[in-house]
Amino acid sequence: MRFIKFILHLLGSLKNNTSTKQFIVFLFLFLILILIGLITLIKVVIPFTYIAL
């Protein structure tokens, strides 16, 4: 919960301190990073669940 609040606070600060175009670019890159992280997590977790079973 604190991590989510931290991320939202970071995004709010970025929105206040950068231009709209810079914020949109940052948000786009942040979403790509989240997508890469989720794909990596899935590729790592699924094989280990099969090994554990």
PDB file of N, CA and C in Angstrom:
ATOM      1  N   MET A   1       0.825  -1.198   0.000  1.00  0.00           N
ATOM      2  CA  MET A   1       0.000   0.000   0.000  1.00  0.00           C
ATOM      3  C   MET A   1       0.867   1.259   0.000  1.00  0.00           C
ATOM      4  N   ARG A   2       1.923   1.228   0.823  1.00  0.00           N
ATOM      5  CA  ARG A   2       2.807   2.394   0.864  1.00  0.00           C
ATOM      6  C   ARG A   2       3.531   2.575  -0.466  1.00  0.00           C
ATOM      7  N   PHE A   3       3.847   1.442  -1.125  1.00  0.00           N
ATOM      8  CA  PHE A   3       4.529   1.520  -2.412  1.00  0.00           C
ATOM      9  C   PHE A   3       3.635   2.175  -3.460  1.00  0.00           C
ATOM     10  N   ILE A   4       2.352   1.825  -3.467  1.00  0.00           N
ATOM     11  CA  ILE A   4       1.411   2.414  -4.424  1.00  0.00           C
ATOM     12  C   ILE A   4       1.252   3.905  -4.149  1.00  0.00           C
ATOM     13  N   LYS A   5       1.161   4.281  -2.871  1.00  0.00           N
ATOM     14  CA  LYS A   5       1.081   5.703  -2.530  1.00  0.00           C
ATOM     15  C   LYS A   5       2.332   6.444  -2.974  1.00  0.00           C
ATOM     16  N   PHE A   6       3.494   5.790  -2.816  1.00  0.00           N
ATOM     17  CA  PHE A   6       4.756   6.391  -3.242  1.00  0.00           C
ATOM     18  C   PHE A   6       4.769   6.624  -4.750  1.00  0.00           C
ATOM     19  N   ILE A   7       4.332   5.636  -5.517  1.00  0.00           N
ATOM     20  CA  ILE A   7       4.298   5.767  -6.979  1.00  0.00           C
ATOM     21  C   ILE A   7       3.336   6.882  -7.391  1.00  0.00           C
ATOM     22  N   LEU A   8       2.164   6.938  -6.757  1.00  0.00           N
ATOM     23  CA  LEU A   8       1.199   7.988  -7.093  1.00  0.00           C
ATOM     24  C   LEU A   8       1.732   9.364  -6.718  1.00  0.00           C
ATOM     25  N   HIS A   9       2.424   9.462  -5.594  1.00  0.00           N
ATOM     26  CA  HIS A   9       3.033  10.731  -5.190  1.00  0.00           C
ATOM     27  C   HIS A   9       4.109  11.151  -6.185  1.00  0.00           C
ATOM     28  N   LEU A  10       4.904  10.173  -6.639  1.00  0.00           N
ATOM     29  CA  LEU A  10       5.932  10.467  -7.639  1.00  0.00           C
ATOM     30  C   LEU A  10       5.310  10.982  -8.934  1.00  0.00           C
ATOM     31  N   LEU A  11       4.243  10.327  -9.384  1.00  0.00           N
ATOM     32  CA  LEU A  11       3.582  10.768 -10.618  1.00  0.00           C
ATOM     33  C   LEU A  11       2.975  12.157 -10.449  1.00  0.00           C
ATOM     34  N   GLY A  12       2.392  12.439  -9.287  1.00  0.00           N
ATOM     35  CA  GLY A  12       1.832  13.764  -9.034  1.00  0.00           C
ATOM     36  C   GLY A  12       2.896  14.831  -9.036  1.00  0.00           C
ATOM     37  N   SER A  13       4.032  14.548  -8.423  1.00  0.00           N
ATOM     38  CA  SER A  13       5.134  15.507  -8.401  1.00  0.00           C
ATOM     39  C   SER A  13       5.667  15.748  -9.814  1.00  0.00           C
ATOM     40  N   LEU A  14       5.771  14.681 -10.578  1.00  0.00           N
ATOM     41  CA  LEU A  14       6.246  14.843 -11.953  1.00  0.00           C
ATOM     42  C   LEU A  14       5.276  15.696 -12.771  1.00  0.00           C
ATOM     43  N   LYS A  15       4.001  15.471 -12.565  1.00  0.00           N
ATOM     44  CA  LYS A  15       2.999  16.238 -13.315  1.00  0.00           C
ATOM     45  C   LYS A  15       3.084  17.720 -12.980  1.00  0.00           C
ATOM     46  N   ASN A  16       3.343  18.026 -11.715  1.00  0.00           N
ATOM     47  CA  ASN A  16       3.411  19.429 -11.304  1.00  0.00           C
ATOM     48  C   ASN A  16       4.699  20.108 -11.752  1.00  0.00           C
ATOM     49  N   ASN A  17       5.787  19.337 -11.893  1.00  0.00           N
ATOM     50  CA  ASN A  17       7.087  19.948 -12.152  1.00  0.00           C
ATOM     51  C   ASN A  17       7.582  19.809 -13.583  1.00  0.00           C
ATOM     52  N   THR A  18       6.809  19.201 -14.457  1.00  0.00           N
ATOM     53  CA  THR A  18       7.226  19.078 -15.857  1.00  0.00           C
ATOM     54  C   THR A  18       6.090  19.563 -16.756  1.00  0.00           C
ATOM     55  N   SER A  19       6.430  19.731 -18.030  1.00  0.00           N
ATOM     56  CA  SER A  19       5.397  20.126 -18.981  1.00  0.00           C
ATOM     57  C   SER A  19       4.522  18.911 -19.298  1.00  0.00           C
ATOM     58  N   THR A  20       3.400  19.170 -19.920  1.00  0.00           N
ATOM     59  CA  THR A  20       2.452  18.093 -20.229  1.00  0.00           C
ATOM     60  C   THR A  20       3.071  17.078 -21.185  1.00  0.00           C
ATOM     61  N   LYS A  21       3.798  17.561 -22.175  1.00  0.00           N
ATOM     62  CA  LYS A  21       4.410  16.659 -23.146  1.00  0.00           C
ATOM     63  C   LYS A  21       5.454  15.752 -22.474  1.00  0.00           C
ATOM     64  N   GLN A  22       6.278  16.317 -21.610  1.00  0.00           N
ATOM     65  CA  GLN A  22       7.270  15.515 -20.897  1.00  0.00           C
ATOM     66  C   GLN A  22       6.594  14.481 -20.003  1.00  0.00           C
ATOM     67  N   PHE A  23       5.505  14.872 -19.355  1.00  0.00           N
ATOM     68  CA  PHE A  23       4.791  13.945 -18.470  1.00  0.00           C
ATOM     69  C   PHE A  23       4.197  12.781 -19.256  1.00  0.00           C
ATOM     70  N   ILE A  24       3.638  13.070 -20.426  1.00  0.00           N
ATOM     71  CA  ILE A  24       3.062  12.002 -21.257  1.00  0.00           C
ATOM     72  C   ILE A  24       4.148  11.043 -21.719  1.00  0.00           C
ATOM     73  N   VAL A  25       5.305  11.569 -22.119  1.00  0.00           N
ATOM     74  CA  VAL A  25       6.417  10.707 -22.543  1.00  0.00           C
ATOM     75  C   VAL A  25       6.877   9.838 -21.380  1.00  0.00           C
ATOM     76  N   PHE A  26       7.013  10.443 -20.193  1.00  0.00           N
ATOM     77  CA  PHE A  26       7.433   9.679 -19.025  1.00  0.00           C
ATOM     78  C   PHE A  26       6.414   8.599 -18.683  1.00  0.00           C
ATOM     79  N   LEU A  27       5.135   8.935 -18.739  1.00  0.00           N
ATOM     80  CA  LEU A  27       4.091   7.966 -18.434  1.00  0.00           C
ATOM     81  C   LEU A  27       4.108   6.804 -19.427  1.00  0.00           C
ATOM     82  N   PHE A  28       4.320   7.115 -20.705  1.00  0.00           N
ATOM     83  CA  PHE A  28       4.405   6.083 -21.731  1.00  0.00           C
ATOM     84  C   PHE A  28       5.576   5.143 -21.459  1.00  0.00           C
ATOM     85  N   LEU A  29       6.747   5.704 -21.135  1.00  0.00           N
ATOM     86  CA  LEU A  29       7.920   4.886 -20.843  1.00  0.00           C
ATOM     87  C   LEU A  29       7.715   4.066 -19.567  1.00  0.00           C
ATOM     88  N   PHE A  30       7.043   4.651 -18.581  1.00  0.00           N
ATOM     89  CA  PHE A  30       6.757   3.956 -17.334  1.00  0.00           C
ATOM     90  C   PHE A  30       5.834   2.769 -17.582  1.00  0.00           C
ATOM     91  N   LEU A  31       4.831   2.935 -18.431  1.00  0.00           N
ATOM     92  CA  LEU A  31       3.918   1.829 -18.757  1.00  0.00           C
ATOM     93  C   LEU A  31       4.637   0.713 -19.515  1.00  0.00           C
ATOM     94  N   ILE A  32       5.562   1.090 -20.403  1.00  0.00           N
ATOM     95  CA  ILE A  32       6.353   0.073 -21.109  1.00  0.00           C
ATOM     96  C   ILE A  32       7.201  -0.708 -20.120  1.00  0.00           C
ATOM     97  N   LEU A  33       7.784  -0.005 -19.149  1.00  0.00           N
ATOM     98  CA  LEU A  33       8.601  -0.664 -18.132  1.00  0.00           C
ATOM     99  C   LEU A  33       7.766  -1.618 -17.283  1.00  0.00           C
ATOM    100  N   ILE A  34       6.556  -1.218 -16.926  1.00  0.00           N
ATOM    101  CA  ILE A  34       5.661  -2.100 -16.170  1.00  0.00           C
ATOM    102  C   ILE A  34       5.318  -3.337 -16.998  1.00  0.00           C
ATOM    103  N   LEU A  35       5.044  -3.154 -18.278  1.00  0.00           N
ATOM    104  CA  LEU A  35       4.711  -4.274 -19.153  1.00  0.00           C
ATOM    105  C   LEU A  35       5.873  -5.259 -19.254  1.00  0.00           C
ATOM    106  N   ILE A  36       7.092  -4.759 -19.417  1.00  0.00           N
ATOM    107  CA  ILE A  36       8.269  -5.622 -19.479  1.00  0.00           C
ATOM    108  C   ILE A  36       8.435  -6.376 -18.157  1.00  0.00           C
ATOM    109  N   GLY A  37       8.216  -5.694 -17.038  1.00  0.00           N
ATOM    110  CA  GLY A  37       8.328  -6.336 -15.732  1.00  0.00           C
ATOM    111  C   GLY A  37       7.309  -7.445 -15.545  1.00  0.00           C
ATOM    112  N   LEU A  38       6.071  -7.212 -15.979  1.00  0.00           N
ATOM    113  CA  LEU A  38       5.044  -8.245 -15.858  1.00  0.00           C
ATOM    114  C   LEU A  38       5.349  -9.460 -16.724  1.00  0.00           C
ATOM    115  N   ILE A  39       5.815  -9.222 -17.944  1.00  0.00           N
ATOM    116  CA  ILE A  39       6.159 -10.334 -18.835  1.00  0.00           C
ATOM    117  C   ILE A  39       7.303 -11.141 -18.241  1.00  0.00           C
ATOM    118  N   THR A  40       8.305 -10.444 -17.694  1.00  0.00           N
ATOM    119  CA  THR A  40       9.437 -11.130 -17.083  1.00  0.00           C
ATOM    120  C   THR A  40       8.988 -11.926 -15.867  1.00  0.00           C
ATOM    121  N   LEU A  41       8.126 -11.356 -15.053  1.00  0.00           N
ATOM    122  CA  LEU A  41       7.623 -12.057 -13.870  1.00  0.00           C
ATOM    123  C   LEU A  41       6.876 -13.329 -14.263  1.00  0.00           C
ATOM    124  N   ILE A  42       6.057 -13.237 -15.289  1.00  0.00           N
ATOM    125  CA  ILE A  42       5.310 -14.406 -15.753  1.00  0.00           C
ATOM    126  C   ILE A  42       6.264 -15.478 -16.285  1.00  0.00           C
ATOM    127  N   LYS A  43       7.290 -15.055 -17.043  1.00  0.00           N
ATOM    128  CA  LYS A  43       8.230 -16.028 -17.592  1.00  0.00           C
ATOM    129  C   LYS A  43       9.046 -16.712 -16.508  1.00  0.00           C
ATOM    130  N   VAL A  44       9.249 -16.054 -15.374  1.00  0.00           N
ATOM    131  CA  VAL A  44      10.030 -16.654 -14.293  1.00  0.00           C
ATOM    132  C   VAL A  44       9.138 -17.477 -13.367  1.00  0.00           C
ATOM    133  N   VAL A  45       7.955 -16.989 -13.026  1.00  0.00           N
ATOM    134  CA  VAL A  45       7.112 -17.642 -12.030  1.00  0.00           C
ATOM    135  C   VAL A  45       6.486 -18.930 -12.562  1.00  0.00           C
ATOM    136  N   ILE A  46       6.013 -18.940 -13.773  1.00  0.00           N
ATOM    137  CA  ILE A  46       5.306 -20.115 -14.294  1.00  0.00           C
ATOM    138  C   ILE A  46       6.208 -21.359 -14.351  1.00  0.00           C
ATOM    139  N   PRO A  47       7.434 -21.284 -14.856  1.00  0.00           N
ATOM    140  CA  PRO A  47       8.270 -22.498 -14.822  1.00  0.00           C
ATOM    141  C   PRO A  47       8.553 -22.995 -13.401  1.00  0.00           C
ATOM    142  N   PHE A  48       8.733 -22.106 -12.439  1.00  0.00           N
ATOM    143  CA  PHE A  48       9.021 -22.536 -11.090  1.00  0.00           C
ATOM    144  C   PHE A  48       7.808 -23.165 -10.419  1.00  0.00           C
ATOM    145  N   THR A  49       6.598 -22.739 -10.798  1.00  0.00           N
ATOM    146  CA  THR A  49       5.414 -23.388 -10.222  1.00  0.00           C
ATOM    147  C   THR A  49       5.278 -24.813 -10.768  1.00  0.00           C
ATOM    148  N   TYR A  50       5.672 -25.045 -12.012  1.00  0.00           N
ATOM    149  CA  TYR A  50       5.631 -26.403 -12.544  1.00  0.00           C
ATOM    150  C   TYR A  50       6.684 -27.278 -11.868  1.00  0.00           C
ATOM    151  N   ILE A  51       7.857 -26.726 -11.596  1.00  0.00           N
ATOM    152  CA  ILE A  51       8.915 -27.489 -10.921  1.00  0.00           C
ATOM    153  C   ILE A  51       8.486 -27.844  -9.503  1.00  0.00           C
ATOM    154  N   ALA A  52       7.847 -26.886  -8.802  1.00  0.00           N
ATOM    155  CA  ALA A  52       7.450 -27.108  -7.429  1.00  0.00           C
ATOM    156  C   ALA A  52       6.342 -28.156  -7.314  1.00  0.00           C
ATOM    157  N   LEU A  53       5.513 -28.255  -8.325  1.00  0.00           N
ATOM    158  CA  LEU A  53       4.428 -29.240  -8.281  1.00  0.00           C
ATOM    159  C   LEU A  53       4.976 -30.606  -8.632  1.00  0.00           C
TER     160      LEU A  53
END
